[in-house]
Amino acid sequence: MGSETGTGAALPDLPESRTEPDGSVVIRVLSYNIRSMRDDVAALARVIRACRPDVVCVQEAPRFFRWRKAAARLARTSGLVYVSGGATASGPMILSSLRAHVERTEDVLLPRTPGLHQRGFATAVLRFGKARLGVLSCHLSIKDWERQEQGRLLLDRLAALDVPHAVAAGDLNDRPDGRTFGLLAGALQDGWATKPWGREHTTRLGDPLQRIDAVFATEGVEVLGCGVPMGLPGITEGDLRAATDHLPVLAALRVPAS
């Protein structure tokens, strides 16, 4: 397991993306709160590229003036393509590599509480050869009662994708001992708890240690490693500090052929 204090120690290898002889695929899924790209976008793109993801679940994507142009810029500089979300999901967004074939997408706005931010889900069904994967990117409420209801809606929406295997990833605004995190972890595999790799805590370096960002997977998806990729080749502490106020979560998953 990697160091909690810095990037000096090399991480154990995380499996690379590949297609297995039986048609199953190993993919890398990255979850990243990018704070509306208000920080160093070049550093952000370097971090994403170094992770070599097949799928990126973004939170706090640009939502206002020329947001599509900003989303396209991030995809281009990260070596990815835009799939779904952004302003149309009130922040969550999905990017992918060219390896993924997009079967369908849907952006979902959640019931809004007056005085609180509008929340939503970006969702997609992606195909990697013979394997199909539902994907949901989320950023849940800062209010406990609203967040718990959104957690229930997340599980409903994931089931509604109607695929045998799916992942949900995002900024939960909740810790593993919280009600909503527990709700999701009770129904899905919590990537870090299942196969820890890298660093656990996802808050900004120097802030109080908390794990509030996570990648979850449905039964049947094999978690091969999940955590913050501090120490991964190509990722520097300087870029992590400059890119945004969250740390990314990277997971390697094996998805069976459908």
Protein backbone atom coordinates (compact mmCIF):
# COMPACT_ATOMS: atom_id res chain seq x y z
CA MET A 1 0.00 0.00 0.00
CA GLY A 2 1.32 3.42 -0.92
CA SER A 3 2.47 6.19 1.39
CA GLU A 4 -0.06 8.57 2.93
CA THR A 5 2.43 11.41 3.23
CA GLY A 6 3.95 11.96 -0.17
CA THR A 7 4.80 10.72 -3.64
CA GLY A 8 8.34 9.54 -3.00
CA ALA A 9 7.53 5.84 -2.60
CA ALA A 10 6.80 3.95 -5.80
CA LEU A 11 3.34 2.44 -6.01
CA PRO A 12 2.81 -1.25 -6.68
CA ASP A 13 1.76 -1.82 -10.27
CA LEU A 14 -1.88 -1.20 -11.17
CA PRO A 15 -3.10 -3.43 -14.01
CA GLU A 16 -3.05 -1.84 -17.45
CA SER A 17 -6.07 -1.69 -19.73
CA ARG A 18 -6.39 -4.79 -21.87
CA THR A 19 -8.81 -7.32 -23.39
CA GLU A 20 -8.58 -10.87 -22.06
CA PRO A 21 -8.89 -14.02 -24.24
CA ASP A 22 -12.33 -14.75 -22.74
CA GLY A 23 -13.68 -11.36 -23.86
CA SER A 24 -13.52 -9.72 -20.43
CA VAL A 25 -11.75 -6.38 -20.24
CA VAL A 26 -9.54 -4.61 -17.74
CA ILE A 27 -10.33 -0.91 -17.67
CA ARG A 28 -9.18 2.05 -15.62
CA VAL A 29 -11.83 4.34 -14.13
CA LEU A 30 -10.85 7.72 -12.72
CA SER A 31 -13.01 9.93 -10.47
CA TYR A 32 -11.95 13.57 -10.17
CA ASN A 33 -13.50 16.76 -8.78
CA ILE A 34 -11.96 19.46 -11.01
CA ARG A 35 -13.43 22.59 -9.34
CA SER A 36 -14.83 23.98 -12.59
CA MET A 37 -11.33 24.13 -14.11
CA ARG A 38 -10.59 27.27 -12.06
CA ASP A 39 -7.05 26.13 -11.28
CA ASP A 40 -4.10 24.97 -13.42
CA VAL A 41 -5.71 23.18 -16.37
CA ALA A 42 -2.36 22.04 -17.78
CA ALA A 43 -1.54 20.36 -14.45
CA LEU A 44 -5.03 18.82 -14.37
CA ALA A 45 -4.55 17.35 -17.85
CA ARG A 46 -1.12 15.97 -16.92
CA VAL A 47 -2.58 14.17 -13.90
CA ILE A 48 -5.40 12.67 -15.97
CA ARG A 49 -3.07 11.56 -18.77
CA ALA A 50 -0.66 9.93 -16.31
CA CYS A 51 -3.53 7.78 -14.97
CA ARG A 52 -4.22 6.43 -18.49
CA PRO A 53 -7.97 6.10 -17.83
CA ASP A 54 -10.54 4.49 -20.08
CA VAL A 55 -13.34 6.36 -18.27
CA VAL A 56 -13.25 9.57 -16.25
CA CYS A 57 -16.13 10.50 -13.93
CA VAL A 58 -15.75 14.25 -13.46
CA GLN A 59 -17.39 16.37 -10.77
CA GLU A 60 -17.71 20.16 -10.82
CA ALA A 61 -17.27 20.37 -14.57
CA PRO A 62 -17.80 23.89 -15.98
CA ARG A 63 -21.51 24.72 -16.02
CA PHE A 64 -21.84 28.28 -17.26
CA PHE A 65 -20.53 30.50 -20.08
CA ARG A 66 -19.07 28.41 -22.93
CA TRP A 67 -19.01 25.30 -20.77
CA ARG A 68 -19.00 22.98 -23.80
CA LYS A 69 -15.84 24.65 -25.09
CA ALA A 70 -14.17 24.15 -21.69
CA ALA A 71 -15.24 20.49 -21.58
CA ALA A 72 -13.88 19.93 -25.09
CA ARG A 73 -10.59 21.57 -24.10
CA LEU A 74 -10.19 19.30 -21.09
CA ALA A 75 -10.99 16.21 -23.16
CA ARG A 76 -8.57 17.22 -25.90
CA THR A 77 -5.66 18.07 -23.60
CA SER A 78 -6.24 14.85 -21.61
CA GLY A 79 -6.30 12.65 -24.72
CA LEU A 80 -9.97 11.77 -24.20
CA VAL A 81 -13.40 12.48 -25.71
CA TYR A 82 -16.53 13.99 -24.19
CA VAL A 83 -19.32 11.49 -23.52
CA SER A 84 -22.02 13.15 -21.39
CA GLY A 85 -22.83 15.65 -18.65
CA GLY A 86 -21.49 19.04 -17.65
CA ALA A 87 -24.05 21.81 -17.36
CA THR A 88 -26.80 19.42 -18.48
CA ALA A 89 -26.17 17.31 -15.35
CA SER A 90 -25.35 20.32 -13.16
CA GLY A 91 -21.67 19.43 -12.82
CA PRO A 92 -21.04 15.68 -13.18
CA MET A 93 -19.53 14.70 -16.53
CA ILE A 94 -18.15 11.58 -18.23
CA LEU A 95 -15.12 11.43 -20.51
CA SER A 96 -13.68 8.31 -22.15
CA SER A 97 -10.84 7.05 -24.28
CA LEU A 98 -11.42 6.07 -27.89
CA ARG A 99 -11.43 2.49 -26.68
CA ALA A 100 -15.02 2.92 -25.50
CA HIS A 101 -18.02 2.70 -27.80
CA VAL A 102 -20.87 4.87 -26.49
CA GLU A 103 -24.18 3.01 -26.67
CA ARG A 104 -26.33 5.63 -24.96
CA THR A 105 -26.19 8.52 -22.50
CA GLU A 106 -28.61 10.34 -20.21
CA ASP A 107 -28.17 13.36 -17.97
CA VAL A 108 -30.43 13.46 -14.93
CA LEU A 109 -31.32 16.49 -12.79
CA LEU A 110 -32.30 15.58 -9.24
CA PRO A 111 -35.08 17.22 -7.20
CA ARG A 112 -33.82 20.58 -6.06
CA THR A 113 -34.13 21.92 -2.53
CA PRO A 114 -34.63 25.72 -2.41
CA GLY A 115 -31.46 27.43 -1.23
CA LEU A 116 -29.21 24.47 -2.12
CA HIS A 117 -27.30 23.69 -5.30
CA GLN A 118 -28.96 21.81 -8.13
CA ARG A 119 -27.51 18.31 -8.31
CA GLY A 120 -27.54 15.70 -11.06
CA PHE A 121 -26.08 12.51 -12.51
CA ALA A 122 -24.22 12.01 -15.77
CA THR A 123 -24.83 8.46 -17.01
CA ALA A 124 -23.74 6.36 -19.97
CA VAL A 125 -23.61 2.78 -21.19
CA LEU A 126 -20.22 2.04 -22.76
CA ARG A 127 -19.05 -1.02 -24.64
CA PHE A 128 -15.48 -2.31 -24.66
CA GLY A 129 -15.48 -5.12 -27.18
CA LYS A 130 -17.80 -7.77 -25.75
CA ALA A 131 -18.07 -6.12 -22.33
CA ARG A 132 -20.75 -3.53 -21.54
CA LEU A 133 -20.53 -1.17 -18.58
CA GLY A 134 -22.97 1.31 -17.10
CA VAL A 135 -21.30 4.45 -15.74
CA LEU A 136 -22.67 7.08 -13.36
CA SER A 137 -20.83 10.23 -12.22
CA CYS A 138 -22.20 12.03 -9.17
CA HIS A 139 -21.60 14.90 -6.75
CA LEU A 140 -23.88 14.56 -3.75
CA SER A 141 -25.30 17.21 -1.41
CA ILE A 142 -23.51 18.75 1.54
CA LYS A 143 -26.71 18.25 3.59
CA ASP A 144 -27.01 14.82 5.20
CA TRP A 145 -30.75 14.31 4.71
CA GLU A 146 -30.68 15.40 1.05
CA ARG A 147 -27.52 13.41 0.38
CA GLN A 148 -29.12 10.21 1.69
CA GLU A 149 -32.10 10.62 -0.63
CA GLN A 150 -29.71 11.23 -3.52
CA GLY A 151 -27.90 8.02 -2.59
CA ARG A 152 -31.16 6.11 -2.95
CA LEU A 153 -31.81 7.78 -6.31
CA LEU A 154 -28.27 6.85 -7.40
CA LEU A 155 -28.92 3.16 -6.75
CA ASP A 156 -32.25 3.37 -8.59
CA ARG A 157 -30.65 5.10 -11.56
CA LEU A 158 -27.80 2.59 -11.70
CA ALA A 159 -30.32 -0.26 -11.79
CA ALA A 160 -32.30 1.58 -14.49
CA LEU A 161 -29.28 1.46 -16.82
CA ASP A 162 -30.30 -2.20 -17.22
CA VAL A 163 -26.82 -3.62 -17.76
CA PRO A 164 -25.24 -6.51 -15.84
CA HIS A 165 -22.21 -4.50 -14.74
CA ALA A 166 -21.89 -0.87 -13.70
CA VAL A 167 -19.76 1.64 -11.80
CA ALA A 168 -20.71 4.78 -9.88
CA ALA A 169 -18.03 7.29 -8.95
CA GLY A 170 -17.84 10.74 -7.53
CA ASP A 171 -17.60 13.23 -4.72
CA LEU A 172 -19.94 11.94 -2.03
CA ASN A 173 -19.47 14.78 0.49
CA ASP A 174 -19.61 11.94 3.00
CA ARG A 175 -17.12 9.70 4.77
CA PRO A 176 -17.15 5.89 5.05
CA ASP A 177 -18.81 6.09 8.47
CA GLY A 178 -21.60 8.29 7.10
CA ARG A 179 -25.14 7.17 6.32
CA THR A 180 -25.01 7.74 2.56
CA PHE A 181 -21.56 6.24 2.08
CA GLY A 182 -22.75 3.25 4.08
CA LEU A 183 -25.90 2.96 1.97
CA LEU A 184 -23.84 2.79 -1.22
CA ALA A 185 -21.18 0.50 0.26
CA GLY A 186 -23.92 -1.87 1.43
CA ALA A 187 -25.29 -2.26 -2.09
CA LEU A 188 -22.09 -1.93 -4.15
CA GLN A 189 -18.39 -2.76 -3.86
CA ASP A 190 -16.43 0.15 -2.39
CA GLY A 191 -13.25 0.09 -4.51
CA TRP A 192 -10.82 1.18 -1.80
CA ALA A 193 -12.26 -1.16 0.84
CA THR A 194 -12.28 -4.07 -1.62
CA LYS A 195 -8.74 -3.75 -3.03
CA PRO A 196 -6.81 -0.80 -1.55
CA TRP A 197 -4.00 0.66 -3.64
CA GLY A 198 -2.21 3.99 -3.42
CA ARG A 199 -3.38 6.61 -0.96
CA GLU A 200 -6.70 6.43 0.86
CA HIS A 201 -7.64 10.02 1.61
CA THR A 202 -8.95 12.26 -1.16
CA THR A 203 -8.94 15.71 0.45
CA ARG A 204 -6.43 18.31 -0.69
CA LEU A 205 -2.87 17.82 0.51
CA GLY A 206 -2.49 19.55 3.87
CA ASP A 207 -6.23 19.48 4.65
CA PRO A 208 -7.73 17.17 7.31
CA LEU A 209 -7.55 13.56 6.11
CA GLN A 210 -10.89 12.40 4.73
CA ARG A 211 -12.07 9.93 2.11
CA ILE A 212 -15.04 11.65 0.51
CA ASP A 213 -14.50 10.57 -3.13
CA ALA A 214 -14.96 6.95 -4.20
CA VAL A 215 -15.42 4.46 -7.01
CA PHE A 216 -18.12 1.81 -6.51
CA ALA A 217 -18.81 -1.26 -8.66
CA THR A 218 -21.68 -3.71 -8.96
CA GLU A 219 -21.38 -7.40 -8.18
CA GLY A 220 -19.52 -9.31 -10.88
CA VAL A 221 -17.01 -6.52 -11.57
CA GLU A 222 -13.62 -7.49 -10.14
CA VAL A 223 -11.80 -4.66 -8.38
CA LEU A 224 -8.07 -5.04 -9.09
CA GLY A 225 -6.96 -1.93 -7.22
CA CYS A 226 -8.39 1.44 -6.18
CA GLY A 227 -7.05 4.57 -4.52
CA VAL A 228 -5.40 7.95 -4.97
CA PRO A 229 -2.54 7.56 -7.50
CA MET A 230 0.14 9.43 -5.55
CA GLY A 231 3.46 7.95 -6.63
CA LEU A 232 2.20 6.83 -10.04
CA PRO A 233 4.79 7.63 -12.74
CA GLY A 234 4.05 11.01 -14.31
CA ILE A 235 2.13 12.38 -11.32
CA THR A 236 3.85 14.96 -9.15
CA GLU A 237 2.78 16.46 -5.86
CA GLY A 238 3.08 19.89 -7.49
CA ASP A 239 0.57 18.99 -10.19
CA LEU A 240 -1.83 17.48 -7.65
CA ARG A 241 -1.72 20.68 -5.63
CA ALA A 242 -2.09 22.93 -8.67
CA ALA A 243 -4.81 21.02 -10.54
CA THR A 244 -7.79 21.29 -8.14
CA ASP A 245 -8.75 21.03 -4.46
CA HIS A 246 -9.48 17.27 -4.51
CA LEU A 247 -7.26 14.27 -5.16
CA PRO A 248 -8.28 11.83 -7.89
CA VAL A 249 -9.35 8.23 -7.30
CA LEU A 250 -8.16 5.65 -9.83
CA ALA A 251 -9.52 2.11 -10.06
CA ALA A 252 -8.58 -0.85 -12.24
CA LEU A 253 -11.56 -3.12 -12.85
CA ARG A 254 -12.13 -6.36 -14.72
CA VAL A 255 -15.51 -6.37 -16.46
CA PRO A 256 -16.83 -9.72 -17.75
CA ALA A 257 -18.01 -10.10 -21.32
CA SER A 258 -21.75 -9.59 -21.54
